[in-house]
Amino acid sequence: MEIKLEQVKLEGKDVLQRLLQYSLFEESGTDLNEMNSDGTFAYEWFDHYFTDKDRDAYFIKEMDNDKLLGFVMVNEHLEILKDGHSIAEFMVIPKYRRRGIGKKAAIHIFEKYKGNWEIKPSYGSEKAYLFWENVIREYTGDRFQYKNSIFVFQTVEKASSL
C-alpha cells in the first residue's frame, strides 16, 4: 500500500483531536497519563500545532483513495540535542498495523525533515520501543544511539557523522 503524508490544516483539527484521543487512550495502558473527569486525556500543546512554526501535524493517508490511516506530530522540542526534530505523537489505526504503513510514514517524515532526530517511544510500551528500534536501525544502517530512553540519530545522508 502506498501512503502519503498530508499536513493537517485548521479544518482537520477536530479529526486530529479525535485520533490523538484514541492514541492517548491506547497508551494509557503503559504510560502515566490519566483521563480527565470529562473522559478525555489532556494534551496541553495540541493547539500549538496550528499556531507555532516549530510544530507540524500530518495525516497518514492511502495514496490512491485518501483513506485515513493514522497521524504523526513533529516538533523541534528536544531533550538531548541542540537542534533537530522529534516525533511527539505517532499512530497507525490498529486495523492497518503490521502492513509496513508505520515504517513508510516514519521514513517519509525523516526525509521531509533532514538532520538530527530524537524519538522517545511511548513510556512503558515494549511494542513502541521495538517498532522504533527496528525502523531506526534499518533506516540508519545501525547508526544511532539510545540514551535516556531516547533514540538519537541523523537522516541517512548525515548519519555517518553521528
N, C-alpha and C. Protein backbone atom coordinates (compact mmCIF):
# COMPACT_ATOMS: atom_id res chain seq x y z
N MET A 1 0.85 -1.18 0.00
CA MET A 1 0.00 0.00 0.00
C MET A 1 0.89 1.24 0.00
N GLU A 2 0.66 2.12 -0.93
CA GLU A 2 1.40 3.37 -0.98
C GLU A 2 0.69 4.40 -0.10
N ILE A 3 1.50 5.19 0.59
CA ILE A 3 0.94 6.19 1.50
C ILE A 3 1.45 7.58 1.15
N LYS A 4 0.80 8.56 1.75
CA LYS A 4 1.26 9.95 1.65
C LYS A 4 1.04 10.61 3.00
N LEU A 5 1.78 11.66 3.24
CA LEU A 5 1.57 12.49 4.41
C LEU A 5 0.89 13.77 3.95
N GLU A 6 -0.18 14.13 4.63
CA GLU A 6 -0.93 15.34 4.28
C GLU A 6 -0.95 16.24 5.51
N GLN A 7 -0.38 17.43 5.38
CA GLN A 7 -0.34 18.34 6.53
C GLN A 7 -1.76 18.64 7.00
N VAL A 8 -1.95 18.59 8.31
CA VAL A 8 -3.27 18.86 8.90
C VAL A 8 -3.50 20.36 8.89
N LYS A 9 -4.54 20.76 8.22
CA LYS A 9 -4.94 22.17 8.17
C LYS A 9 -5.97 22.41 9.28
N LEU A 10 -6.28 23.66 9.51
CA LEU A 10 -7.21 24.02 10.58
C LEU A 10 -8.54 23.27 10.46
N GLU A 11 -9.02 23.07 9.24
CA GLU A 11 -10.30 22.36 9.08
C GLU A 11 -10.21 20.88 9.47
N GLY A 12 -9.02 20.33 9.60
CA GLY A 12 -8.84 18.95 10.03
C GLY A 12 -8.51 18.81 11.51
N LYS A 13 -8.52 19.92 12.22
CA LYS A 13 -8.15 19.93 13.64
C LYS A 13 -9.01 18.98 14.48
N ASP A 14 -10.31 18.98 14.27
CA ASP A 14 -11.19 18.11 15.06
C ASP A 14 -10.90 16.63 14.81
N VAL A 15 -10.61 16.28 13.57
CA VAL A 15 -10.28 14.89 13.24
C VAL A 15 -8.99 14.49 13.94
N LEU A 16 -7.98 15.36 13.87
CA LEU A 16 -6.72 15.07 14.54
C LEU A 16 -6.94 14.94 16.05
N GLN A 17 -7.75 15.80 16.62
CA GLN A 17 -8.03 15.74 18.06
C GLN A 17 -8.64 14.38 18.44
N ARG A 18 -9.57 13.89 17.64
CA ARG A 18 -10.19 12.59 17.92
C ARG A 18 -9.16 11.47 17.80
N LEU A 19 -8.33 11.51 16.75
CA LEU A 19 -7.30 10.48 16.59
C LEU A 19 -6.30 10.52 17.74
N LEU A 20 -5.92 11.72 18.16
CA LEU A 20 -5.00 11.86 19.28
C LEU A 20 -5.61 11.27 20.55
N GLN A 21 -6.89 11.48 20.78
CA GLN A 21 -7.54 10.90 21.96
C GLN A 21 -7.51 9.37 21.91
N TYR A 22 -7.74 8.78 20.73
CA TYR A 22 -7.63 7.32 20.59
C TYR A 22 -6.23 6.86 20.96
N SER A 23 -5.23 7.59 20.46
CA SER A 23 -3.84 7.24 20.73
C SER A 23 -3.51 7.35 22.21
N LEU A 24 -3.92 8.44 22.83
CA LEU A 24 -3.66 8.63 24.25
C LEU A 24 -4.37 7.58 25.10
N PHE A 25 -5.57 7.20 24.69
CA PHE A 25 -6.29 6.13 25.38
C PHE A 25 -5.50 4.83 25.27
N GLU A 26 -5.03 4.52 24.08
CA GLU A 26 -4.28 3.29 23.87
C GLU A 26 -2.99 3.27 24.70
N GLU A 27 -2.32 4.39 24.77
CA GLU A 27 -1.07 4.49 25.54
C GLU A 27 -1.32 4.45 27.05
N SER A 28 -2.53 4.74 27.47
CA SER A 28 -2.80 4.83 28.91
C SER A 28 -2.60 3.50 29.62
N GLY A 29 -2.50 2.42 28.87
CA GLY A 29 -2.23 1.13 29.49
C GLY A 29 -0.80 1.01 29.99
N THR A 30 0.11 1.83 29.47
CA THR A 30 1.51 1.73 29.87
C THR A 30 2.12 3.04 30.36
N ASP A 31 1.53 4.17 30.01
CA ASP A 31 2.15 5.44 30.41
C ASP A 31 1.52 5.96 31.71
N LEU A 32 1.89 7.14 32.09
CA LEU A 32 1.41 7.70 33.36
C LEU A 32 0.27 8.70 33.17
N ASN A 33 -0.25 8.84 31.98
CA ASN A 33 -1.30 9.81 31.68
C ASN A 33 -2.64 9.31 32.23
N GLU A 34 -3.35 10.19 32.89
CA GLU A 34 -4.66 9.87 33.46
C GLU A 34 -5.76 10.57 32.68
N MET A 35 -6.91 9.92 32.61
CA MET A 35 -8.07 10.51 31.95
C MET A 35 -8.67 11.59 32.84
N ASN A 36 -9.12 12.67 32.22
CA ASN A 36 -9.81 13.74 32.94
C ASN A 36 -11.22 13.31 33.30
N SER A 37 -11.88 14.06 34.16
CA SER A 37 -13.24 13.74 34.58
C SER A 37 -14.24 13.83 33.42
N ASP A 38 -13.87 14.53 32.33
CA ASP A 38 -14.77 14.62 31.18
C ASP A 38 -14.56 13.48 30.18
N GLY A 39 -13.70 12.50 30.53
CA GLY A 39 -13.48 11.34 29.67
C GLY A 39 -12.46 11.57 28.57
N THR A 40 -11.68 12.64 28.65
CA THR A 40 -10.63 12.89 27.66
C THR A 40 -9.28 12.94 28.35
N PHE A 41 -8.26 12.89 27.53
CA PHE A 41 -6.89 13.00 28.03
C PHE A 41 -6.37 14.38 27.68
N ALA A 42 -5.76 15.04 28.65
CA ALA A 42 -5.21 16.38 28.41
C ALA A 42 -4.01 16.28 27.48
N TYR A 43 -3.87 17.29 26.63
CA TYR A 43 -2.70 17.41 25.75
C TYR A 43 -2.49 18.90 25.56
N GLU A 44 -1.74 19.48 26.48
CA GLU A 44 -1.66 20.94 26.56
C GLU A 44 -1.07 21.61 25.32
N TRP A 45 -0.33 20.89 24.49
CA TRP A 45 0.33 21.52 23.33
C TRP A 45 -0.48 21.38 22.04
N PHE A 46 -1.64 20.74 22.11
CA PHE A 46 -2.38 20.44 20.88
C PHE A 46 -2.63 21.68 20.02
N ASP A 47 -3.17 22.73 20.57
CA ASP A 47 -3.48 23.93 19.79
C ASP A 47 -2.24 24.56 19.17
N HIS A 48 -1.08 24.34 19.79
CA HIS A 48 0.17 24.90 19.28
C HIS A 48 0.55 24.31 17.91
N TYR A 49 0.01 23.15 17.58
CA TYR A 49 0.30 22.56 16.27
C TYR A 49 -0.38 23.34 15.14
N PHE A 50 -1.22 24.26 15.49
CA PHE A 50 -1.90 25.08 14.49
C PHE A 50 -1.48 26.55 14.56
N THR A 51 -0.54 26.86 15.47
CA THR A 51 -0.09 28.24 15.61
C THR A 51 1.43 28.40 15.59
N ASP A 52 2.16 27.40 16.06
CA ASP A 52 3.62 27.53 16.21
C ASP A 52 4.36 27.01 14.98
N LYS A 53 5.43 27.71 14.61
CA LYS A 53 6.22 27.33 13.44
C LYS A 53 7.08 26.09 13.70
N ASP A 54 7.31 25.75 14.96
CA ASP A 54 8.17 24.61 15.27
C ASP A 54 7.39 23.32 15.54
N ARG A 55 6.13 23.29 15.11
CA ARG A 55 5.29 22.09 15.28
C ARG A 55 4.48 21.87 14.00
N ASP A 56 4.41 20.62 13.57
CA ASP A 56 3.63 20.25 12.40
C ASP A 56 2.91 18.93 12.66
N ALA A 57 1.73 18.80 12.09
CA ALA A 57 0.97 17.56 12.20
C ALA A 57 0.56 17.10 10.81
N TYR A 58 0.58 15.79 10.61
CA TYR A 58 0.26 15.20 9.31
C TYR A 58 -0.68 14.02 9.50
N PHE A 59 -1.62 13.91 8.58
CA PHE A 59 -2.40 12.69 8.48
C PHE A 59 -1.61 11.72 7.61
N ILE A 60 -1.64 10.45 7.97
CA ILE A 60 -1.10 9.40 7.13
C ILE A 60 -2.29 8.88 6.33
N LYS A 61 -2.19 8.94 5.01
CA LYS A 61 -3.31 8.54 4.15
C LYS A 61 -2.85 7.58 3.07
N GLU A 62 -3.80 6.77 2.62
CA GLU A 62 -3.53 5.90 1.48
C GLU A 62 -3.43 6.77 0.23
N MET A 63 -2.45 6.51 -0.58
CA MET A 63 -2.17 7.33 -1.75
C MET A 63 -3.36 7.36 -2.73
N ASP A 64 -3.93 6.22 -3.03
CA ASP A 64 -4.94 6.13 -4.09
C ASP A 64 -6.30 6.71 -3.74
N ASN A 65 -6.73 6.54 -2.48
CA ASN A 65 -8.11 6.93 -2.18
C ASN A 65 -8.27 7.86 -0.98
N ASP A 66 -7.16 8.39 -0.46
CA ASP A 66 -7.19 9.33 0.67
C ASP A 66 -7.73 8.72 1.97
N LYS A 67 -7.77 7.40 2.06
CA LYS A 67 -8.25 6.77 3.29
C LYS A 67 -7.31 7.13 4.44
N LEU A 68 -7.88 7.53 5.55
CA LEU A 68 -7.12 7.93 6.73
C LEU A 68 -6.57 6.69 7.43
N LEU A 69 -5.24 6.66 7.61
CA LEU A 69 -4.57 5.50 8.20
C LEU A 69 -3.93 5.81 9.55
N GLY A 70 -3.77 7.10 9.86
CA GLY A 70 -3.13 7.47 11.12
C GLY A 70 -2.66 8.90 11.09
N PHE A 71 -1.71 9.24 11.97
CA PHE A 71 -1.20 10.60 12.03
C PHE A 71 0.19 10.60 12.64
N VAL A 72 0.90 11.71 12.42
CA VAL A 72 2.20 11.93 13.03
C VAL A 72 2.29 13.41 13.39
N MET A 73 2.82 13.69 14.58
CA MET A 73 3.01 15.06 15.05
C MET A 73 4.49 15.26 15.32
N VAL A 74 5.07 16.29 14.71
CA VAL A 74 6.51 16.55 14.76
C VAL A 74 6.75 17.90 15.40
N ASN A 75 7.81 17.99 16.21
CA ASN A 75 8.17 19.29 16.76
C ASN A 75 9.69 19.40 16.87
N GLU A 76 10.15 20.53 17.35
CA GLU A 76 11.58 20.79 17.50
C GLU A 76 11.99 20.84 18.97
N HIS A 77 11.19 20.25 19.84
CA HIS A 77 11.47 20.27 21.27
C HIS A 77 12.25 19.01 21.64
N LEU A 78 13.54 19.20 21.89
CA LEU A 78 14.47 18.09 22.09
C LEU A 78 14.95 18.03 23.53
N GLU A 79 15.35 16.85 23.94
CA GLU A 79 15.87 16.66 25.30
C GLU A 79 17.38 16.52 25.33
N ILE A 80 17.98 16.05 24.25
CA ILE A 80 19.42 15.77 24.23
C ILE A 80 20.16 16.70 23.27
N LEU A 81 19.69 16.80 22.05
CA LEU A 81 20.36 17.58 21.01
C LEU A 81 20.00 19.05 21.10
N LYS A 82 20.82 19.88 20.48
CA LYS A 82 20.56 21.33 20.46
C LYS A 82 19.57 21.72 19.38
N ASP A 83 19.59 21.01 18.26
CA ASP A 83 18.63 21.31 17.19
C ASP A 83 18.25 20.02 16.48
N GLY A 84 17.11 20.07 15.81
CA GLY A 84 16.61 18.91 15.10
C GLY A 84 15.11 18.77 15.30
N HIS A 85 14.64 17.56 15.13
CA HIS A 85 13.20 17.28 15.21
C HIS A 85 12.93 16.07 16.09
N SER A 86 11.70 16.02 16.54
CA SER A 86 11.25 14.93 17.39
C SER A 86 9.83 14.54 16.97
N ILE A 87 9.54 13.26 17.05
CA ILE A 87 8.17 12.82 16.83
C ILE A 87 7.48 12.83 18.18
N ALA A 88 6.52 13.74 18.31
CA ALA A 88 5.80 13.88 19.57
C ALA A 88 4.73 12.80 19.71
N GLU A 89 4.01 12.56 18.63
CA GLU A 89 2.95 11.56 18.64
C GLU A 89 2.94 10.86 17.29
N PHE A 90 2.60 9.58 17.31
CA PHE A 90 2.60 8.78 16.08
C PHE A 90 1.62 7.64 16.28
N MET A 91 0.71 7.48 15.35
CA MET A 91 -0.24 6.38 15.46
C MET A 91 -0.70 5.93 14.09
N VAL A 92 -0.71 4.62 13.91
CA VAL A 92 -1.37 4.00 12.77
C VAL A 92 -2.61 3.32 13.34
N ILE A 93 -3.75 3.54 12.72
CA ILE A 93 -5.01 2.94 13.18
C ILE A 93 -4.80 1.42 13.26
N PRO A 94 -5.23 0.79 14.36
CA PRO A 94 -4.94 -0.63 14.58
C PRO A 94 -5.24 -1.54 13.39
N LYS A 95 -6.31 -1.30 12.68
CA LYS A 95 -6.68 -2.13 11.53
C LYS A 95 -5.59 -2.18 10.47
N TYR A 96 -4.77 -1.13 10.40
CA TYR A 96 -3.76 -1.02 9.34
C TYR A 96 -2.34 -1.29 9.82
N ARG A 97 -2.19 -1.72 11.05
CA ARG A 97 -0.86 -2.01 11.57
C ARG A 97 -0.33 -3.32 11.01
N ARG A 98 0.99 -3.47 11.12
CA ARG A 98 1.70 -4.67 10.67
C ARG A 98 1.59 -4.85 9.15
N ARG A 99 1.47 -3.74 8.44
CA ARG A 99 1.44 -3.75 6.97
C ARG A 99 2.54 -2.86 6.39
N GLY A 100 3.44 -2.38 7.23
CA GLY A 100 4.53 -1.53 6.78
C GLY A 100 4.17 -0.06 6.66
N ILE A 101 2.95 0.29 7.04
CA ILE A 101 2.50 1.69 6.91
C ILE A 101 3.26 2.60 7.88
N GLY A 102 3.42 2.17 9.11
CA GLY A 102 4.13 2.98 10.09
C GLY A 102 5.57 3.23 9.68
N LYS A 103 6.22 2.19 9.19
CA LYS A 103 7.61 2.32 8.73
C LYS A 103 7.70 3.31 7.56
N LYS A 104 6.80 3.18 6.60
CA LYS A 104 6.80 4.10 5.46
C LYS A 104 6.55 5.53 5.91
N ALA A 105 5.61 5.71 6.82
CA ALA A 105 5.30 7.06 7.30
C ALA A 105 6.50 7.65 8.03
N ALA A 106 7.16 6.85 8.86
CA ALA A 106 8.33 7.33 9.59
C ALA A 106 9.42 7.76 8.62
N ILE A 107 9.69 6.95 7.62
CA ILE A 107 10.73 7.29 6.64
C ILE A 107 10.35 8.54 5.86
N HIS A 108 9.08 8.67 5.49
CA HIS A 108 8.62 9.90 4.82
C HIS A 108 8.92 11.13 5.67
N ILE A 109 8.65 11.03 6.97
CA ILE A 109 8.83 12.19 7.84
C ILE A 109 10.32 12.46 8.05
N PHE A 110 11.15 11.42 8.16
CA PHE A 110 12.60 11.62 8.27
C PHE A 110 13.14 12.33 7.03
N GLU A 111 12.64 11.94 5.87
CA GLU A 111 13.10 12.54 4.62
C GLU A 111 12.60 13.98 4.46
N LYS A 112 11.46 14.26 5.03
CA LYS A 112 10.91 15.61 4.95
C LYS A 112 11.69 16.59 5.82
N TYR A 113 12.15 16.12 6.96
CA TYR A 113 12.89 16.95 7.91
C TYR A 113 14.30 16.37 8.07
N LYS A 114 15.18 16.73 7.20
CA LYS A 114 16.56 16.22 7.22
C LYS A 114 17.31 16.74 8.44
N GLY A 115 18.24 15.94 8.93
CA GLY A 115 19.09 16.39 10.03
C GLY A 115 18.96 15.52 11.26
N ASN A 116 19.07 16.15 12.40
CA ASN A 116 19.05 15.46 13.70
C ASN A 116 17.63 15.05 14.10
N TRP A 117 17.56 13.91 14.78
CA TRP A 117 16.28 13.40 15.26
C TRP A 117 16.43 12.83 16.67
N GLU A 118 15.36 13.01 17.44
CA GLU A 118 15.18 12.32 18.71
C GLU A 118 13.79 11.68 18.69
N ILE A 119 13.74 10.42 19.07
CA ILE A 119 12.44 9.75 19.20
C ILE A 119 12.41 9.02 20.52
N LYS A 120 11.42 9.38 21.32
CA LYS A 120 11.23 8.77 22.63
C LYS A 120 9.96 7.92 22.56
N PRO A 121 10.11 6.60 22.50
CA PRO A 121 8.91 5.74 22.42
C PRO A 121 7.98 5.95 23.61
N SER A 122 6.73 5.66 23.40
CA SER A 122 5.73 5.78 24.45
C SER A 122 6.20 5.06 25.72
N TYR A 123 6.14 5.76 26.83
CA TYR A 123 6.62 5.25 28.11
C TYR A 123 6.02 3.88 28.42
N GLY A 124 6.90 2.93 28.71
CA GLY A 124 6.45 1.62 29.17
C GLY A 124 5.97 0.68 28.08
N SER A 125 5.97 1.12 26.82
CA SER A 125 5.45 0.28 25.74
C SER A 125 6.59 -0.43 25.01
N GLU A 126 6.70 -1.73 25.25
CA GLU A 126 7.73 -2.51 24.55
C GLU A 126 7.45 -2.54 23.05
N LYS A 127 6.18 -2.57 22.66
CA LYS A 127 5.83 -2.56 21.23
C LYS A 127 6.33 -1.28 20.56
N ALA A 128 6.13 -0.14 21.21
CA ALA A 128 6.59 1.13 20.64
C ALA A 128 8.11 1.14 20.56
N TYR A 129 8.77 0.69 21.61
CA TYR A 129 10.23 0.64 21.60
C TYR A 129 10.73 -0.23 20.44
N LEU A 130 10.19 -1.43 20.30
CA LEU A 130 10.64 -2.34 19.25
C LEU A 130 10.35 -1.79 17.85
N PHE A 131 9.18 -1.16 17.69
CA PHE A 131 8.86 -0.55 16.39
C PHE A 131 9.92 0.48 16.03
N TRP A 132 10.17 1.43 16.94
CA TRP A 132 11.13 2.49 16.63
C TRP A 132 12.54 1.96 16.48
N GLU A 133 12.93 1.01 17.31
CA GLU A 133 14.27 0.44 17.17
C GLU A 133 14.45 -0.18 15.79
N ASN A 134 13.49 -0.97 15.35
CA ASN A 134 13.59 -1.63 14.04
C ASN A 134 13.61 -0.62 12.90
N VAL A 135 12.72 0.36 12.94
CA VAL A 135 12.66 1.36 11.87
C VAL A 135 13.95 2.17 11.82
N ILE A 136 14.41 2.65 12.96
CA ILE A 136 15.61 3.49 13.00
C ILE A 136 16.85 2.68 12.65
N ARG A 137 16.93 1.47 13.14
CA ARG A 137 18.08 0.61 12.83
C ARG A 137 18.18 0.39 11.31
N GLU A 138 17.07 0.05 10.71
CA GLU A 138 17.08 -0.19 9.26
C GLU A 138 17.34 1.10 8.48
N TYR A 139 16.68 2.17 8.88
CA TYR A 139 16.82 3.45 8.17
C TYR A 139 18.26 3.98 8.22
N THR A 140 18.90 3.88 9.39
CA THR A 140 20.24 4.46 9.56
C THR A 140 21.37 3.46 9.29
N GLY A 141 21.03 2.20 9.07
CA GLY A 141 22.09 1.20 8.94
C GLY A 141 22.84 1.02 10.24
N ASP A 142 22.12 1.03 11.35
CA ASP A 142 22.69 0.85 12.70
C ASP A 142 23.44 2.05 13.24
N ARG A 143 23.28 3.22 12.63
CA ARG A 143 24.00 4.41 13.10
C ARG A 143 23.04 5.29 13.92
N PHE A 144 22.86 4.87 15.16
CA PHE A 144 22.01 5.62 16.08
C PHE A 144 22.52 5.37 17.49
N GLN A 145 22.05 6.17 18.40
CA GLN A 145 22.35 5.97 19.82
C GLN A 145 21.02 5.86 20.56
N TYR A 146 21.05 5.18 21.68
CA TYR A 146 19.88 5.09 22.54
C TYR A 146 20.33 5.47 23.94
N LYS A 147 19.91 6.66 24.38
CA LYS A 147 20.29 7.10 25.72
C LYS A 147 19.13 7.83 26.37
N ASN A 148 19.01 7.62 27.66
CA ASN A 148 17.92 8.23 28.43
C ASN A 148 16.56 7.91 27.82
N SER A 149 16.41 6.70 27.32
CA SER A 149 15.16 6.22 26.70
C SER A 149 14.80 6.96 25.42
N ILE A 150 15.79 7.53 24.75
CA ILE A 150 15.56 8.30 23.52
C ILE A 150 16.49 7.79 22.42
N PHE A 151 15.93 7.54 21.24
CA PHE A 151 16.73 7.22 20.07
C PHE A 151 17.23 8.54 19.49
N VAL A 152 18.53 8.61 19.22
CA VAL A 152 19.15 9.80 18.67
C VAL A 152 19.86 9.40 17.38
N PHE A 153 19.57 10.10 16.29
CA PHE A 153 20.18 9.76 15.00
C PHE A 153 20.08 10.95 14.06
N GLN A 154 20.69 10.77 12.90
CA GLN A 154 20.60 11.78 11.85
C GLN A 154 20.07 11.10 10.60
N THR A 155 19.46 11.90 9.74
CA THR A 155 18.95 11.33 8.50
C THR A 155 20.11 10.72 7.72
N VAL A 156 19.78 9.81 6.83
CA VAL A 156 20.76 8.94 6.18
C VAL A 156 21.96 9.66 5.61
N GLU A 157 21.78 10.77 4.92
CA GLU A 157 22.92 11.46 4.31
C GLU A 157 23.95 11.90 5.35
N LYS A 158 23.51 12.20 6.57
CA LYS A 158 24.41 12.70 7.60
C LYS A 158 24.72 11.67 8.67
N ALA A 159 24.14 10.48 8.57
CA ALA A 159 24.25 9.51 9.65
C ALA A 159 25.69 9.14 9.98
N SER A 160 26.60 9.20 9.04
CA SER A 160 27.97 8.77 9.29
C SER A 160 28.69 9.69 10.28
N SER A 161 28.22 10.90 10.49
CA SER A 161 28.90 11.82 11.41
C SER A 161 28.38 11.74 12.83
N LEU A 162 27.42 10.88 13.10
CA LEU A 162 26.86 10.76 14.45
C LEU A 162 27.87 10.18 15.43
